[in-house]
Amino acid sequence: MRRRTQARECALKILYQADITRRPFDQAVQNYWAGDEEMKAEEEHNDEVMSFSNRLGVFELKYTNDIPPKVAINEAVELAKKYGDLESSKFVNGILDKIHKKEITAGSPEVQ
């Protein structure tokens, strides 16, 4: 697995862990890297994790210049497939594609 793909997956799991445990973000990061096996087992079986892939995709679309939009969308969709179902990945793809077309591409001066 490529480094950025691994980083996205780790970020997804950390965000999810912080959300469901209501722990401070820095504590969730420490617990994740310390190997909190209970959390890892729960992450592997919870479809809600995929909702965070959408957030990661939106962040990459809006705030990174070194990641092509198609790559950001594809990576988010792949995470949704891994942690959700077919409908989850379609939903993530639809949302990110709409954001890319309406908010990002429309506001870009070089796109006409």
PDB file of N, CA and C in Angstrom:
ATOM      1  N   MET A   1       0.843  -1.171   0.000  1.00  0.00           N
ATOM      2  CA  MET A   1       0.000   0.000   0.000  1.00  0.00           C
ATOM      3  C   MET A   1       0.894   1.243   0.000  1.00  0.00           C
ATOM      4  N   ARG A   2       0.515   2.232  -0.795  1.00  0.00           N
ATOM      5  CA  ARG A   2       1.306   3.453  -0.885  1.00  0.00           C
ATOM      6  C   ARG A   2       1.220   4.265   0.405  1.00  0.00           C
ATOM      7  N   ARG A   3       2.224   5.115   0.609  1.00  0.00           N
ATOM      8  CA  ARG A   3       2.286   5.887   1.851  1.00  0.00           C
ATOM      9  C   ARG A   3       1.092   6.799   2.065  1.00  0.00           C
ATOM     10  N   ARG A   4       0.709   7.524   1.019  1.00  0.00           N
ATOM     11  CA  ARG A   4      -0.438   8.432   1.192  1.00  0.00           C
ATOM     12  C   ARG A   4      -1.713   7.648   1.457  1.00  0.00           C
ATOM     13  N   THR A   5      -1.862   6.519   0.835  1.00  0.00           N
ATOM     14  CA  THR A   5      -3.037   5.686   1.078  1.00  0.00           C
ATOM     15  C   THR A   5      -3.038   5.214   2.524  1.00  0.00           C
ATOM     16  N   GLN A   6      -1.894   4.786   3.008  1.00  0.00           N
ATOM     17  CA  GLN A   6      -1.777   4.368   4.411  1.00  0.00           C
ATOM     18  C   GLN A   6      -2.058   5.532   5.339  1.00  0.00           C
ATOM     19  N   ALA A   7      -1.540   6.703   5.009  1.00  0.00           N
ATOM     20  CA  ALA A   7      -1.755   7.884   5.849  1.00  0.00           C
ATOM     21  C   ALA A   7      -3.239   8.250   5.906  1.00  0.00           C
ATOM     22  N   ARG A   8      -3.913   8.163   4.759  1.00  0.00           N
ATOM     23  CA  ARG A   8      -5.350   8.453   4.731  1.00  0.00           C
ATOM     24  C   ARG A   8      -6.113   7.474   5.616  1.00  0.00           C
ATOM     25  N   GLU A   9      -5.750   6.218   5.533  1.00  0.00           N
ATOM     26  CA  GLU A   9      -6.445   5.208   6.335  1.00  0.00           C
ATOM     27  C   GLU A   9      -6.198   5.428   7.831  1.00  0.00           C
ATOM     28  N   CYS A  10      -4.989   5.763   8.197  1.00  0.00           N
ATOM     29  CA  CYS A  10      -4.691   6.063   9.603  1.00  0.00           C
ATOM     30  C   CYS A  10      -5.468   7.285  10.072  1.00  0.00           C
ATOM     31  N   ALA A  11      -5.486   8.332   9.260  1.00  0.00           N
ATOM     32  CA  ALA A  11      -6.223   9.546   9.616  1.00  0.00           C
ATOM     33  C   ALA A  11      -7.702   9.249   9.794  1.00  0.00           C
ATOM     34  N   LEU A  12      -8.250   8.457   8.899  1.00  0.00           N
ATOM     35  CA  LEU A  12      -9.652   8.062   8.986  1.00  0.00           C
ATOM     36  C   LEU A  12      -9.938   7.365  10.311  1.00  0.00           C
ATOM     37  N   LYS A  13      -9.105   6.428  10.670  1.00  0.00           N
ATOM     38  CA  LYS A  13      -9.308   5.669  11.906  1.00  0.00           C
ATOM     39  C   LYS A  13      -9.129   6.535  13.148  1.00  0.00           C
ATOM     40  N   ILE A  14      -8.167   7.432  13.121  1.00  0.00           N
ATOM     41  CA  ILE A  14      -7.946   8.317  14.269  1.00  0.00           C
ATOM     42  C   ILE A  14      -9.122   9.271  14.439  1.00  0.00           C
ATOM     43  N   LEU A  15      -9.596   9.865  13.350  1.00  0.00           N
ATOM     44  CA  LEU A  15     -10.754  10.757  13.427  1.00  0.00           C
ATOM     45  C   LEU A  15     -11.973  10.015  13.970  1.00  0.00           C
ATOM     46  N   TYR A  16     -12.157   8.807  13.474  1.00  0.00           N
ATOM     47  CA  TYR A  16     -13.288   8.012  13.928  1.00  0.00           C
ATOM     48  C   TYR A  16     -13.154   7.683  15.413  1.00  0.00           C
ATOM     49  N   GLN A  17     -11.979   7.284  15.831  1.00  0.00           N
ATOM     50  CA  GLN A  17     -11.757   6.941  17.231  1.00  0.00           C
ATOM     51  C   GLN A  17     -12.021   8.141  18.138  1.00  0.00           C
ATOM     52  N   ALA A  18     -11.530   9.305  17.746  1.00  0.00           N
ATOM     53  CA  ALA A  18     -11.757  10.509  18.546  1.00  0.00           C
ATOM     54  C   ALA A  18     -13.252  10.812  18.636  1.00  0.00           C
ATOM     55  N   ASP A  19     -13.969  10.603  17.545  1.00  0.00           N
ATOM     56  CA  ASP A  19     -15.393  10.901  17.516  1.00  0.00           C
ATOM     57  C   ASP A  19     -16.203   9.953  18.395  1.00  0.00           C
ATOM     58  N   ILE A  20     -15.986   8.654  18.258  1.00  0.00           N
ATOM     59  CA  ILE A  20     -16.841   7.722  19.000  1.00  0.00           C
ATOM     60  C   ILE A  20     -16.481   7.616  20.480  1.00  0.00           C
ATOM     61  N   THR A  21     -15.228   7.887  20.822  1.00  0.00           N
ATOM     62  CA  THR A  21     -14.842   7.804  22.230  1.00  0.00           C
ATOM     63  C   THR A  21     -14.957   9.139  22.942  1.00  0.00           C
ATOM     64  N   ARG A  22     -15.159  10.197  22.154  1.00  0.00           N
ATOM     65  CA  ARG A  22     -15.235  11.561  22.688  1.00  0.00           C
ATOM     66  C   ARG A  22     -13.961  11.956  23.432  1.00  0.00           C
ATOM     67  N   ARG A  23     -12.866  11.345  23.006  1.00  0.00           N
ATOM     68  CA  ARG A  23     -11.559  11.681  23.578  1.00  0.00           C
ATOM     69  C   ARG A  23     -10.994  12.888  22.846  1.00  0.00           C
ATOM     70  N   PRO A  24     -10.111  13.629  23.519  1.00  0.00           N
ATOM     71  CA  PRO A  24      -9.417  14.696  22.792  1.00  0.00           C
ATOM     72  C   PRO A  24      -8.626  14.088  21.635  1.00  0.00           C
ATOM     73  N   PHE A  25      -8.499  14.857  20.569  1.00  0.00           N
ATOM     74  CA  PHE A  25      -7.847  14.358  19.364  1.00  0.00           C
ATOM     75  C   PHE A  25      -6.444  13.832  19.651  1.00  0.00           C
ATOM     76  N   ASP A  26      -5.645  14.574  20.438  1.00  0.00           N
ATOM     77  CA  ASP A  26      -4.274  14.134  20.710  1.00  0.00           C
ATOM     78  C   ASP A  26      -4.244  12.811  21.462  1.00  0.00           C
ATOM     79  N   GLN A  27      -5.230  12.567  22.316  1.00  0.00           N
ATOM     80  CA  GLN A  27      -5.295  11.289  23.025  1.00  0.00           C
ATOM     81  C   GLN A  27      -5.676  10.162  22.063  1.00  0.00           C
ATOM     82  N   ALA A  28      -6.573  10.450  21.132  1.00  0.00           N
ATOM     83  CA  ALA A  28      -6.948   9.443  20.135  1.00  0.00           C
ATOM     84  C   ALA A  28      -5.747   9.074  19.275  1.00  0.00           C
ATOM     85  N   VAL A  29      -4.934  10.068  18.925  1.00  0.00           N
ATOM     86  CA  VAL A  29      -3.720   9.804  18.139  1.00  0.00           C
ATOM     87  C   VAL A  29      -2.779   8.899  18.932  1.00  0.00           C
ATOM     88  N   GLN A  30      -2.548   9.227  20.187  1.00  0.00           N
ATOM     89  CA  GLN A  30      -1.652   8.415  21.024  1.00  0.00           C
ATOM     90  C   GLN A  30      -2.186   6.992  21.178  1.00  0.00           C
ATOM     91  N   ASN A  31      -3.477   6.863  21.426  1.00  0.00           N
ATOM     92  CA  ASN A  31      -4.065   5.528  21.589  1.00  0.00           C
ATOM     93  C   ASN A  31      -3.958   4.714  20.304  1.00  0.00           C
ATOM     94  N   TYR A  32      -4.177   5.374  19.186  1.00  0.00           N
ATOM     95  CA  TYR A  32      -4.089   4.656  17.919  1.00  0.00           C
ATOM     96  C   TYR A  32      -2.681   4.120  17.702  1.00  0.00           C
ATOM     97  N   TRP A  33      -1.687   4.975  17.877  1.00  0.00           N
ATOM     98  CA  TRP A  33      -0.306   4.550  17.633  1.00  0.00           C
ATOM     99  C   TRP A  33       0.210   3.600  18.705  1.00  0.00           C
ATOM    100  N   ALA A  34      -0.435   3.613  19.882  1.00  0.00           N
ATOM    101  CA  ALA A  34      -0.044   2.682  20.941  1.00  0.00           C
ATOM    102  C   ALA A  34      -0.621   1.295  20.682  1.00  0.00           C
ATOM    103  N   GLY A  35      -1.517   1.211  19.706  1.00  0.00           N
ATOM    104  CA  GLY A  35      -2.054  -0.108  19.340  1.00  0.00           C
ATOM    105  C   GLY A  35      -3.261  -0.507  20.139  1.00  0.00           C
ATOM    106  N   ASP A  36      -4.193   0.396  20.356  1.00  0.00           N
ATOM    107  CA  ASP A  36      -5.424   0.117  21.082  1.00  0.00           C
ATOM    108  C   ASP A  36      -6.217  -0.943  20.309  1.00  0.00           C
ATOM    109  N   GLU A  37      -6.003  -2.198  20.643  1.00  0.00           N
ATOM    110  CA  GLU A  37      -6.594  -3.319  19.898  1.00  0.00           C
ATOM    111  C   GLU A  37      -8.119  -3.321  19.954  1.00  0.00           C
ATOM    112  N   GLU A  38      -8.688  -2.885  21.068  1.00  0.00           N
ATOM    113  CA  GLU A  38     -10.149  -2.847  21.177  1.00  0.00           C
ATOM    114  C   GLU A  38     -10.723  -1.890  20.132  1.00  0.00           C
ATOM    115  N   MET A  39     -10.109  -0.737  19.978  1.00  0.00           N
ATOM    116  CA  MET A  39     -10.582   0.227  18.992  1.00  0.00           C
ATOM    117  C   MET A  39     -10.366  -0.288  17.578  1.00  0.00           C
ATOM    118  N   LYS A  40      -9.235  -0.911  17.317  1.00  0.00           N
ATOM    119  CA  LYS A  40      -8.959  -1.418  15.977  1.00  0.00           C
ATOM    120  C   LYS A  40      -9.988  -2.469  15.577  1.00  0.00           C
ATOM    121  N   ALA A  41     -10.375  -3.320  16.509  1.00  0.00           N
ATOM    122  CA  ALA A  41     -11.369  -4.345  16.204  1.00  0.00           C
ATOM    123  C   ALA A  41     -12.716  -3.695  15.888  1.00  0.00           C
ATOM    124  N   GLU A  42     -13.080  -2.673  16.636  1.00  0.00           N
ATOM    125  CA  GLU A  42     -14.349  -1.996  16.384  1.00  0.00           C
ATOM    126  C   GLU A  42     -14.323  -1.263  15.045  1.00  0.00           C
ATOM    127  N   GLU A  43     -13.207  -0.653  14.717  1.00  0.00           N
ATOM    128  CA  GLU A  43     -13.076   0.075  13.449  1.00  0.00           C
ATOM    129  C   GLU A  43     -13.293  -0.836  12.257  1.00  0.00           C
ATOM    130  N   GLU A  44     -12.809  -2.055  12.341  1.00  0.00           N
ATOM    131  CA  GLU A  44     -12.895  -2.965  11.210  1.00  0.00           C
ATOM    132  C   GLU A  44     -14.335  -3.385  10.912  1.00  0.00           C
ATOM    133  N   HIS A  45     -15.247  -3.185  11.847  1.00  0.00           N
ATOM    134  CA  HIS A  45     -16.608  -3.683  11.658  1.00  0.00           C
ATOM    135  C   HIS A  45     -17.669  -2.597  11.735  1.00  0.00           C
ATOM    136  N   ASN A  46     -17.292  -1.354  11.664  1.00  0.00           N
ATOM    137  CA  ASN A  46     -18.281  -0.296  11.813  1.00  0.00           C
ATOM    138  C   ASN A  46     -18.378   0.523  10.539  1.00  0.00           C
ATOM    139  N   ASP A  47     -19.548   0.510   9.917  1.00  0.00           N
ATOM    140  CA  ASP A  47     -19.758   1.227   8.665  1.00  0.00           C
ATOM    141  C   ASP A  47     -19.661   2.740   8.813  1.00  0.00           C
ATOM    142  N   GLU A  48     -19.824   3.246  10.022  1.00  0.00           N
ATOM    143  CA  GLU A  48     -19.764   4.690  10.209  1.00  0.00           C
ATOM    144  C   GLU A  48     -18.376   5.253   9.909  1.00  0.00           C
ATOM    145  N   VAL A  49     -17.367   4.433   9.943  1.00  0.00           N
ATOM    146  CA  VAL A  49     -16.024   4.910   9.642  1.00  0.00           C
ATOM    147  C   VAL A  49     -15.994   5.557   8.268  1.00  0.00           C
ATOM    148  N   MET A  50     -16.755   5.020   7.324  1.00  0.00           N
ATOM    149  CA  MET A  50     -16.683   5.524   5.962  1.00  0.00           C
ATOM    150  C   MET A  50     -17.117   6.966   5.845  1.00  0.00           C
ATOM    151  N   SER A  51     -17.941   7.469   6.751  1.00  0.00           N
ATOM    152  CA  SER A  51     -18.356   8.867   6.645  1.00  0.00           C
ATOM    153  C   SER A  51     -17.159   9.806   6.769  1.00  0.00           C
ATOM    154  N   PHE A  52     -16.137   9.371   7.460  1.00  0.00           N
ATOM    155  CA  PHE A  52     -14.947  10.202   7.598  1.00  0.00           C
ATOM    156  C   PHE A  52     -14.130  10.239   6.309  1.00  0.00           C
ATOM    157  N   SER A  53     -14.302   9.243   5.449  1.00  0.00           N
ATOM    158  CA  SER A  53     -13.592   9.284   4.174  1.00  0.00           C
ATOM    159  C   SER A  53     -14.082  10.462   3.341  1.00  0.00           C
ATOM    160  N   ASN A  54     -15.347  10.778   3.483  1.00  0.00           N
ATOM    161  CA  ASN A  54     -15.906  11.930   2.790  1.00  0.00           C
ATOM    162  C   ASN A  54     -15.230  13.218   3.273  1.00  0.00           C
ATOM    163  N   ARG A  55     -15.054  13.333   4.582  1.00  0.00           N
ATOM    164  CA  ARG A  55     -14.401  14.522   5.151  1.00  0.00           C
ATOM    165  C   ARG A  55     -12.960  14.649   4.669  1.00  0.00           C
ATOM    166  N   LEU A  56     -12.259  13.523   4.643  1.00  0.00           N
ATOM    167  CA  LEU A  56     -10.876  13.562   4.160  1.00  0.00           C
ATOM    168  C   LEU A  56     -10.826  13.988   2.700  1.00  0.00           C
ATOM    169  N   GLY A  57     -11.753  13.474   1.909  1.00  0.00           N
ATOM    170  CA  GLY A  57     -11.810  13.845   0.503  1.00  0.00           C
ATOM    171  C   GLY A  57     -12.085  15.325   0.311  1.00  0.00           C
ATOM    172  N   VAL A  58     -13.006  15.860   1.087  1.00  0.00           N
ATOM    173  CA  VAL A  58     -13.323  17.283   0.992  1.00  0.00           C
ATOM    174  C   VAL A  58     -12.098  18.113   1.369  1.00  0.00           C
ATOM    175  N   PHE A  59     -11.430  17.722   2.429  1.00  0.00           N
ATOM    176  CA  PHE A  59     -10.219  18.447   2.837  1.00  0.00           C
ATOM    177  C   PHE A  59      -9.187  18.445   1.718  1.00  0.00           C
ATOM    178  N   GLU A  60      -8.932  17.282   1.146  1.00  0.00           N
ATOM    179  CA  GLU A  60      -7.927  17.196   0.082  1.00  0.00           C
ATOM    180  C   GLU A  60      -8.336  18.002  -1.145  1.00  0.00           C
ATOM    181  N   LEU A  61      -9.618  17.990  -1.481  1.00  0.00           N
ATOM    182  CA  LEU A  61     -10.078  18.768  -2.637  1.00  0.00           C
ATOM    183  C   LEU A  61      -9.907  20.270  -2.416  1.00  0.00           C
ATOM    184  N   LYS A  62     -10.228  20.715  -1.223  1.00  0.00           N
ATOM    185  CA  LYS A  62     -10.234  22.152  -0.966  1.00  0.00           C
ATOM    186  C   LYS A  62      -8.879  22.723  -0.557  1.00  0.00           C
ATOM    187  N   TYR A  63      -8.066  21.950   0.131  1.00  0.00           N
ATOM    188  CA  TYR A  63      -6.896  22.542   0.772  1.00  0.00           C
ATOM    189  C   TYR A  63      -5.544  21.986   0.352  1.00  0.00           C
ATOM    190  N   THR A  64      -5.505  21.073  -0.592  1.00  0.00           N
ATOM    191  CA  THR A  64      -4.213  20.572  -1.051  1.00  0.00           C
ATOM    192  C   THR A  64      -4.049  20.849  -2.540  1.00  0.00           C
ATOM    193  N   ASN A  65      -2.871  21.265  -2.913  1.00  0.00           N
ATOM    194  CA  ASN A  65      -2.592  21.559  -4.316  1.00  0.00           C
ATOM    195  C   ASN A  65      -1.791  20.455  -4.996  1.00  0.00           C
ATOM    196  N   ASP A  66      -1.205  19.559  -4.209  1.00  0.00           N
ATOM    197  CA  ASP A  66      -0.342  18.534  -4.787  1.00  0.00           C
ATOM    198  C   ASP A  66      -1.045  17.203  -5.027  1.00  0.00           C
ATOM    199  N   ILE A  67      -2.341  17.150  -4.763  1.00  0.00           N
ATOM    200  CA  ILE A  67      -3.105  15.921  -4.982  1.00  0.00           C
ATOM    201  C   ILE A  67      -4.158  16.209  -6.045  1.00  0.00           C
ATOM    202  N   PRO A  68      -4.087  15.554  -7.190  1.00  0.00           N
ATOM    203  CA  PRO A  68      -5.095  15.778  -8.230  1.00  0.00           C
ATOM    204  C   PRO A  68      -6.492  15.434  -7.699  1.00  0.00           C
ATOM    205  N   PRO A  69      -7.512  16.202  -8.071  1.00  0.00           N
ATOM    206  CA  PRO A  69      -8.871  15.936  -7.584  1.00  0.00           C
ATOM    207  C   PRO A  69      -9.340  14.500  -7.822  1.00  0.00           C
ATOM    208  N   LYS A  70      -9.020  13.937  -8.986  1.00  0.00           N
ATOM    209  CA  LYS A  70      -9.445  12.555  -9.261  1.00  0.00           C
ATOM    210  C   LYS A  70      -8.837  11.580  -8.260  1.00  0.00           C
ATOM    211  N   VAL A  71      -7.602  11.836  -7.850  1.00  0.00           N
ATOM    212  CA  VAL A  71      -6.936  10.962  -6.877  1.00  0.00           C
ATOM    213  C   VAL A  71      -7.603  11.101  -5.510  1.00  0.00           C
ATOM    214  N   ALA A  72      -7.856  12.329  -5.084  1.00  0.00           N
ATOM    215  CA  ALA A  72      -8.503  12.557  -3.785  1.00  0.00           C
ATOM    216  C   ALA A  72      -9.865  11.876  -3.738  1.00  0.00           C
ATOM    217  N   ILE A  73     -10.633  12.023  -4.804  1.00  0.00           N
ATOM    218  CA  ILE A  73     -11.961  11.404  -4.849  1.00  0.00           C
ATOM    219  C   ILE A  73     -11.840   9.886  -4.854  1.00  0.00           C
ATOM    220  N   ASN A  74     -10.952   9.347  -5.673  1.00  0.00           N
ATOM    221  CA  ASN A  74     -10.783   7.900  -5.757  1.00  0.00           C
ATOM    222  C   ASN A  74     -10.355   7.302  -4.415  1.00  0.00           C
ATOM    223  N   GLU A  75      -9.426   7.945  -3.741  1.00  0.00           N
ATOM    224  CA  GLU A  75      -8.959   7.423  -2.446  1.00  0.00           C
ATOM    225  C   GLU A  75     -10.094   7.415  -1.421  1.00  0.00           C
ATOM    226  N   ALA A  76     -10.899   8.478  -1.408  1.00  0.00           N
ATOM    227  CA  ALA A  76     -12.030   8.531  -0.480  1.00  0.00           C
ATOM    228  C   ALA A  76     -13.047   7.447  -0.803  1.00  0.00           C
ATOM    229  N   VAL A  77     -13.284   7.225  -2.077  1.00  0.00           N
ATOM    230  CA  VAL A  77     -14.219   6.178  -2.502  1.00  0.00           C
ATOM    231  C   VAL A  77     -13.694   4.798  -2.091  1.00  0.00           C
ATOM    232  N   GLU A  78     -12.402   4.574  -2.263  1.00  0.00           N
ATOM    233  CA  GLU A  78     -11.819   3.284  -1.875  1.00  0.00           C
ATOM    234  C   GLU A  78     -11.942   3.038  -0.373  1.00  0.00           C
ATOM    235  N   LEU A  79     -11.750   4.076   0.437  1.00  0.00           N
ATOM    236  CA  LEU A  79     -11.936   3.928   1.884  1.00  0.00           C
ATOM    237  C   LEU A  79     -13.396   3.621   2.205  1.00  0.00           C
ATOM    238  N   ALA A  80     -14.309   4.287   1.510  1.00  0.00           N
ATOM    239  CA  ALA A  80     -15.732   4.016   1.727  1.00  0.00           C
ATOM    240  C   ALA A  80     -16.083   2.581   1.348  1.00  0.00           C
ATOM    241  N   LYS A  81     -15.487   2.075   0.270  1.00  0.00           N
ATOM    242  CA  LYS A  81     -15.724   0.679  -0.124  1.00  0.00           C
ATOM    243  C   LYS A  81     -15.204  -0.275   0.941  1.00  0.00           C
ATOM    244  N   LYS A  82     -14.039   0.044   1.491  1.00  0.00           N
ATOM    245  CA  LYS A  82     -13.422  -0.848   2.467  1.00  0.00           C
ATOM    246  C   LYS A  82     -14.208  -0.891   3.774  1.00  0.00           C
ATOM    247  N   TYR A  83     -14.732   0.258   4.199  1.00  0.00           N
ATOM    248  CA  TYR A  83     -15.390   0.322   5.499  1.00  0.00           C
ATOM    249  C   TYR A  83     -16.902   0.451   5.424  1.00  0.00           C
ATOM    250  N   GLY A  84     -17.432   0.605   4.242  1.00  0.00           N
ATOM    251  CA  GLY A  84     -18.874   0.718   4.085  1.00  0.00           C
ATOM    252  C   GLY A  84     -19.375  -0.343   3.137  1.00  0.00           C
ATOM    253  N   ASP A  85     -20.304   0.052   2.302  1.00  0.00           N
ATOM    254  CA  ASP A  85     -20.826  -0.866   1.297  1.00  0.00           C
ATOM    255  C   ASP A  85     -20.854  -0.151  -0.046  1.00  0.00           C
ATOM    256  N   LEU A  86     -21.421  -0.799  -1.040  1.00  0.00           N
ATOM    257  CA  LEU A  86     -21.452  -0.219  -2.383  1.00  0.00           C
ATOM    258  C   LEU A  86     -22.168   1.125  -2.388  1.00  0.00           C
ATOM    259  N   GLU A  87     -23.240   1.232  -1.656  1.00  0.00           N
ATOM    260  CA  GLU A  87     -23.986   2.494  -1.597  1.00  0.00           C
ATOM    261  C   GLU A  87     -23.160   3.591  -0.930  1.00  0.00           C
ATOM    262  N   SER A  88     -22.376   3.235   0.064  1.00  0.00           N
ATOM    263  CA  SER A  88     -21.525   4.219   0.741  1.00  0.00           C
ATOM    264  C   SER A  88     -20.533   4.823  -0.230  1.00  0.00           C
ATOM    265  N   SER A  89     -19.903   3.979  -1.020  1.00  0.00           N
ATOM    266  CA  SER A  89     -18.903   4.482  -1.959  1.00  0.00           C
ATOM    267  C   SER A  89     -19.546   5.340  -3.042  1.00  0.00           C
ATOM    268  N   LYS A  90     -20.743   4.973  -3.485  1.00  0.00           N
ATOM    269  CA  LYS A  90     -21.452   5.786  -4.473  1.00  0.00           C
ATOM    270  C   LYS A  90     -21.809   7.153  -3.891  1.00  0.00           C
ATOM    271  N   PHE A  91     -22.222   7.156  -2.636  1.00  0.00           N
ATOM    272  CA  PHE A  91     -22.577   8.405  -1.959  1.00  0.00           C
ATOM    273  C   PHE A  91     -21.363   9.324  -1.853  1.00  0.00           C
ATOM    274  N   VAL A  92     -20.249   8.764  -1.381  1.00  0.00           N
ATOM    275  CA  VAL A  92     -19.017   9.550  -1.245  1.00  0.00           C
ATOM    276  C   VAL A  92     -18.586  10.092  -2.605  1.00  0.00           C
ATOM    277  N   ASN A  93     -18.624   9.256  -3.625  1.00  0.00           N
ATOM    278  CA  ASN A  93     -18.248   9.688  -4.968  1.00  0.00           C
ATOM    279  C   ASN A  93     -19.136  10.836  -5.445  1.00  0.00           C
ATOM    280  N   GLY A  94     -20.426  10.711  -5.252  1.00  0.00           N
ATOM    281  CA  GLY A  94     -21.361  11.741  -5.680  1.00  0.00           C
ATOM    282  C   GLY A  94     -21.142  13.064  -4.979  1.00  0.00           C
ATOM    283  N   ILE A  95     -20.970  13.008  -3.675  1.00  0.00           N
ATOM    284  CA  ILE A  95     -20.753  14.236  -2.895  1.00  0.00           C
ATOM    285  C   ILE A  95     -19.457  14.916  -3.314  1.00  0.00           C
ATOM    286  N   LEU A  96     -18.375  14.160  -3.375  1.00  0.00           N
ATOM    287  CA  LEU A  96     -17.083  14.763  -3.709  1.00  0.00           C
ATOM    288  C   LEU A  96     -17.043  15.272  -5.142  1.00  0.00           C
ATOM    289  N   ASP A  97     -17.673  14.547  -6.053  1.00  0.00           N
ATOM    290  CA  ASP A  97     -17.716  15.003  -7.435  1.00  0.00           C
ATOM    291  C   ASP A  97     -18.482  16.320  -7.532  1.00  0.00           C
ATOM    292  N   LYS A  98     -19.583  16.422  -6.826  1.00  0.00           N
ATOM    293  CA  LYS A  98     -20.377  17.661  -6.829  1.00  0.00           C
ATOM    294  C   LYS A  98     -19.574  18.814  -6.233  1.00  0.00           C
ATOM    295  N   ILE A  99     -18.903  18.574  -5.135  1.00  0.00           N
ATOM    296  CA  ILE A  99     -18.072  19.619  -4.522  1.00  0.00           C
ATOM    297  C   ILE A  99     -16.992  20.055  -5.489  1.00  0.00           C
ATOM    298  N   HIS A 100     -16.354  19.088  -6.120  1.00  0.00           N
ATOM    299  CA  HIS A 100     -15.282  19.413  -7.063  1.00  0.00           C
ATOM    300  C   HIS A 100     -15.808  20.257  -8.221  1.00  0.00           C
ATOM    301  N   LYS A 101     -16.919  19.873  -8.790  1.00  0.00           N
ATOM    302  CA  LYS A 101     -17.464  20.576  -9.962  1.00  0.00           C
ATOM    303  C   LYS A 101     -18.023  21.952  -9.617  1.00  0.00           C
ATOM    304  N   LYS A 102     -18.762  22.043  -8.526  1.00  0.00           N
ATOM    305  CA  LYS A 102     -19.465  23.285  -8.218  1.00  0.00           C
ATOM    306  C   LYS A 102     -18.641  24.277  -7.405  1.00  0.00           C
ATOM    307  N   GLU A 103     -17.929  23.799  -6.427  1.00  0.00           N
ATOM    308  CA  GLU A 103     -17.248  24.723  -5.529  1.00  0.00           C
ATOM    309  C   GLU A 103     -15.795  24.982  -5.913  1.00  0.00           C
ATOM    310  N   ILE A 104     -15.122  23.978  -6.394  1.00  0.00           N
ATOM    311  CA  ILE A 104     -13.695  24.130  -6.648  1.00  0.00           C
ATOM    312  C   ILE A 104     -13.429  24.515  -8.088  1.00  0.00           C
ATOM    313  N   THR A 105     -13.910  23.714  -9.022  1.00  0.00           N
ATOM    314  CA  THR A 105     -13.662  24.002 -10.438  1.00  0.00           C
ATOM    315  C   THR A 105     -14.316  25.320 -10.839  1.00  0.00           C
ATOM    316  N   ALA A 106     -15.535  25.586 -10.360  1.00  0.00           N
ATOM    317  CA  ALA A 106     -16.241  26.822 -10.720  1.00  0.00           C
ATOM    318  C   ALA A 106     -15.513  28.061 -10.217  1.00  0.00           C
ATOM    319  N   GLY A 107     -14.818  27.937  -9.106  1.00  0.00           N
ATOM    320  CA  GLY A 107     -14.110  29.086  -8.540  1.00  0.00           C
ATOM    321  C   GLY A 107     -12.710  29.255  -9.068  1.00  0.00           C
ATOM    322  N   SER A 108     -12.252  28.316  -9.891  1.00  0.00           N
ATOM    323  CA  SER A 108     -10.900  28.366 -10.424  1.00  0.00           C
ATOM    324  C   SER A 108     -10.838  29.297 -11.636  1.00  0.00           C
ATOM    325  N   PRO A 109      -9.921  30.271 -11.642  1.00  0.00           N
ATOM    326  CA  PRO A 109      -9.841  31.210 -12.759  1.00  0.00           C
ATOM    327  C   PRO A 109      -9.375  30.558 -14.061  1.00  0.00           C
ATOM    328  N   GLU A 110      -8.633  29.456 -13.995  1.00  0.00           N
ATOM    329  CA  GLU A 110      -8.131  28.858 -15.233  1.00  0.00           C
ATOM    330  C   GLU A 110      -9.154  27.956 -15.901  1.00  0.00           C
ATOM    331  N   VAL A 111     -10.249  27.591 -15.211  1.00  0.00           N
ATOM    332  CA  VAL A 111     -11.289  26.748 -15.805  1.00  0.00           C
ATOM    333  C   VAL A 111     -12.392  27.653 -16.326  1.00  0.00           C
ATOM    334  N   GLN A 112     -12.815  27.448 -17.558  1.00  0.00           N
ATOM    335  CA  GLN A 112     -13.845  28.321 -18.128  1.00  0.00           C
ATOM    336  C   GLN A 112     -15.077  27.552 -18.456  1.00  0.00           C
TER     337      GLN A 112
END
